[in-house]
């Protein structure tokens, strides 16, 4: 199933108290439970004025429906096409070393 990164502009979100972030999280979970298991929230990154949320969903429409039902803003939805990390560099080195 596709993975998405959702950018949400929320002025001052990085300064919200823990209780307010808990409330936002609970609202999101309530909406997700009502929508069923096909859409999953992986995690979110809180910055000064934005949230970057990672979701697994069948399509962009499901992401938008979740946002609409929960009253969450959506600035941009981007489908993840690849995931890289430090081990990605190592994989190439292992393949090259093995072919010598």
C-alpha atoms as a PDB file:
ATOM      1  CA  UNK A   1       0.000   0.000   0.000  1.00  0.00           C
ATOM      2  CA  UNK A   2       1.334   3.501  -0.780  1.00  0.00           C
ATOM      3  CA  UNK A   3       2.962   5.682   1.842  1.00  0.00           C
ATOM      4  CA  UNK A   4       2.392   9.441   1.914  1.00  0.00           C
ATOM      5  CA  UNK A   5       3.910  12.491   3.572  1.00  0.00           C
ATOM      6  CA  UNK A   6       1.335  15.161   4.383  1.00  0.00           C
ATOM      7  CA  UNK A   7       2.425  18.720   5.049  1.00  0.00           C
ATOM      8  CA  UNK A   8       0.045  20.661   7.283  1.00  0.00           C
ATOM      9  CA  UNK A   9       0.502  24.370   7.972  1.00  0.00           C
ATOM     10  CA  UNK A  10      -0.540  25.166  11.538  1.00  0.00           C
ATOM     11  CA  UNK A  11       0.798  28.456  12.858  1.00  0.00           C
ATOM     12  CA  UNK A  12       2.498  27.959  16.210  1.00  0.00           C
ATOM     13  CA  UNK A  13       2.014  24.181  16.349  1.00  0.00           C
ATOM     14  CA  UNK A  14       5.568  23.736  17.610  1.00  0.00           C
ATOM     15  CA  UNK A  15       4.720  25.760  20.717  1.00  0.00           C
ATOM     16  CA  UNK A  16       1.517  23.926  21.613  1.00  0.00           C
ATOM     17  CA  UNK A  17       1.443  22.336  25.053  1.00  0.00           C
ATOM     18  CA  UNK A  18       1.587  18.548  25.299  1.00  0.00           C
ATOM     19  CA  UNK A  19      -2.135  18.378  26.200  1.00  0.00           C
ATOM     20  CA  UNK A  20      -3.118  20.127  22.968  1.00  0.00           C
ATOM     21  CA  UNK A  21      -0.943  17.778  20.886  1.00  0.00           C
ATOM     22  CA  UNK A  22      -2.560  14.865  22.737  1.00  0.00           C
ATOM     23  CA  UNK A  23      -6.012  16.224  21.811  1.00  0.00           C
ATOM     24  CA  UNK A  24      -5.051  16.544  18.133  1.00  0.00           C
ATOM     25  CA  UNK A  25      -3.653  13.019  18.184  1.00  0.00           C
ATOM     26  CA  UNK A  26      -6.793  11.612  19.814  1.00  0.00           C
ATOM     27  CA  UNK A  27      -9.032  13.308  17.230  1.00  0.00           C
ATOM     28  CA  UNK A  28      -6.940  11.835  14.406  1.00  0.00           C
ATOM     29  CA  UNK A  29      -7.120   8.351  15.945  1.00  0.00           C
ATOM     30  CA  UNK A  30     -10.904   8.610  16.372  1.00  0.00           C
ATOM     31  CA  UNK A  31     -11.321   9.494  12.692  1.00  0.00           C
ATOM     32  CA  UNK A  32      -8.964   6.704  11.622  1.00  0.00           C
ATOM     33  CA  UNK A  33     -10.911   4.124  13.657  1.00  0.00           C
ATOM     34  CA  UNK A  34     -14.134   5.258  11.981  1.00  0.00           C
ATOM     35  CA  UNK A  35     -12.551   5.003   8.527  1.00  0.00           C
ATOM     36  CA  UNK A  36     -11.279   1.447   9.011  1.00  0.00           C
ATOM     37  CA  UNK A  37      -7.925  -0.316   8.785  1.00  0.00           C
ATOM     38  CA  UNK A  38      -6.951   0.666   5.238  1.00  0.00           C
ATOM     39  CA  UNK A  39      -5.581   4.037   6.344  1.00  0.00           C
ATOM     40  CA  UNK A  40      -2.867   4.131   8.987  1.00  0.00           C
ATOM     41  CA  UNK A  41      -1.044   6.987  10.670  1.00  0.00           C
ATOM     42  CA  UNK A  42       2.641   6.101  11.077  1.00  0.00           C
ATOM     43  CA  UNK A  43       3.942   9.234  12.825  1.00  0.00           C
ATOM     44  CA  UNK A  44       4.149  13.006  12.620  1.00  0.00           C
ATOM     45  CA  UNK A  45       6.969  15.499  12.969  1.00  0.00           C
ATOM     46  CA  UNK A  46       6.101  18.769  14.714  1.00  0.00           C
ATOM     47  CA  UNK A  47       8.042  21.879  13.654  1.00  0.00           C
ATOM     48  CA  UNK A  48       7.517  25.572  14.307  1.00  0.00           C
ATOM     49  CA  UNK A  49       4.513  26.148  12.049  1.00  0.00           C
ATOM     50  CA  UNK A  50       4.021  22.795  10.324  1.00  0.00           C
ATOM     51  CA  UNK A  51       3.266  19.164  10.888  1.00  0.00           C
ATOM     52  CA  UNK A  52       4.749  16.545   8.573  1.00  0.00           C
ATOM     53  CA  UNK A  53       2.642  13.399   8.858  1.00  0.00           C
ATOM     54  CA  UNK A  54       3.437   9.966   7.451  1.00  0.00           C
ATOM     55  CA  UNK A  55       0.452   7.815   6.474  1.00  0.00           C
ATOM     56  CA  UNK A  56      -0.123   4.514   4.722  1.00  0.00           C
ATOM     57  CA  UNK A  57      -3.286   4.699   2.645  1.00  0.00           C
ATOM     58  CA  UNK A  58      -4.818   3.237  -0.500  1.00  0.00           C
ATOM     59  CA  UNK A  59      -4.845   6.634  -2.226  1.00  0.00           C
ATOM     60  CA  UNK A  60      -4.659  10.399  -1.809  1.00  0.00           C
ATOM     61  CA  UNK A  61      -8.451  10.628  -1.565  1.00  0.00           C
ATOM     62  CA  UNK A  62      -8.385   8.666   1.705  1.00  0.00           C
ATOM     63  CA  UNK A  63      -5.844  11.121   3.117  1.00  0.00           C
ATOM     64  CA  UNK A  64      -8.054  14.055   2.125  1.00  0.00           C
ATOM     65  CA  UNK A  65     -11.140  12.381   3.616  1.00  0.00           C
ATOM     66  CA  UNK A  66      -9.326  11.879   6.936  1.00  0.00           C
ATOM     67  CA  UNK A  67      -8.317  15.553   6.942  1.00  0.00           C
ATOM     68  CA  UNK A  68     -11.834  16.711   6.112  1.00  0.00           C
ATOM     69  CA  UNK A  69     -13.461  14.529   8.775  1.00  0.00           C
ATOM     70  CA  UNK A  70     -10.951  15.627  11.425  1.00  0.00           C
ATOM     71  CA  UNK A  71     -10.834  19.288  10.438  1.00  0.00           C
ATOM     72  CA  UNK A  72      -7.106  19.067   9.727  1.00  0.00           C
ATOM     73  CA  UNK A  73      -5.463  21.337   7.149  1.00  0.00           C
ATOM     74  CA  UNK A  74      -3.670  19.823   4.164  1.00  0.00           C
ATOM     75  CA  UNK A  75      -1.038  21.954   2.480  1.00  0.00           C
ATOM     76  CA  UNK A  76       0.533  19.231   0.355  1.00  0.00           C
ATOM     77  CA  UNK A  77       0.318  15.458  -0.065  1.00  0.00           C
ATOM     78  CA  UNK A  78       3.326  13.672  -1.551  1.00  0.00           C
ATOM     79  CA  UNK A  79       3.458   9.954  -2.301  1.00  0.00           C
ATOM     80  CA  UNK A  80       6.696   8.326  -1.156  1.00  0.00           C
ATOM     81  CA  UNK A  81       8.437   6.651  -4.102  1.00  0.00           C
ATOM     82  CA  UNK A  82      11.563   5.410  -2.315  1.00  0.00           C
ATOM     83  CA  UNK A  83      13.068   5.365   1.143  1.00  0.00           C
ATOM     84  CA  UNK A  84      16.779   5.854   1.662  1.00  0.00           C
ATOM     85  CA  UNK A  85      18.972   5.934   4.733  1.00  0.00           C
ATOM     86  CA  UNK A  86      22.669   5.436   5.524  1.00  0.00           C
ATOM     87  CA  UNK A  87      22.404   1.719   4.730  1.00  0.00           C
ATOM     88  CA  UNK A  88      21.423   2.591   1.149  1.00  0.00           C
ATOM     89  CA  UNK A  89      25.008   3.741   0.518  1.00  0.00           C
ATOM     90  CA  UNK A  90      26.342   0.554   2.041  1.00  0.00           C
ATOM     91  CA  UNK A  91      24.211  -1.659  -0.220  1.00  0.00           C
ATOM     92  CA  UNK A  92      25.961  -0.291  -3.308  1.00  0.00           C
ATOM     93  CA  UNK A  93      29.382  -0.820  -1.743  1.00  0.00           C
ATOM     94  CA  UNK A  94      28.560  -4.431  -0.890  1.00  0.00           C
ATOM     95  CA  UNK A  95      27.370  -5.150  -4.456  1.00  0.00           C
ATOM     96  CA  UNK A  96      30.513  -3.555  -5.920  1.00  0.00           C
ATOM     97  CA  UNK A  97      32.860  -5.407  -3.559  1.00  0.00           C
ATOM     98  CA  UNK A  98      31.132  -8.704  -4.291  1.00  0.00           C
ATOM     99  CA  UNK A  99      31.592  -8.394  -8.058  1.00  0.00           C
ATOM    100  CA  UNK A 100      35.379  -7.952  -7.903  1.00  0.00           C
END
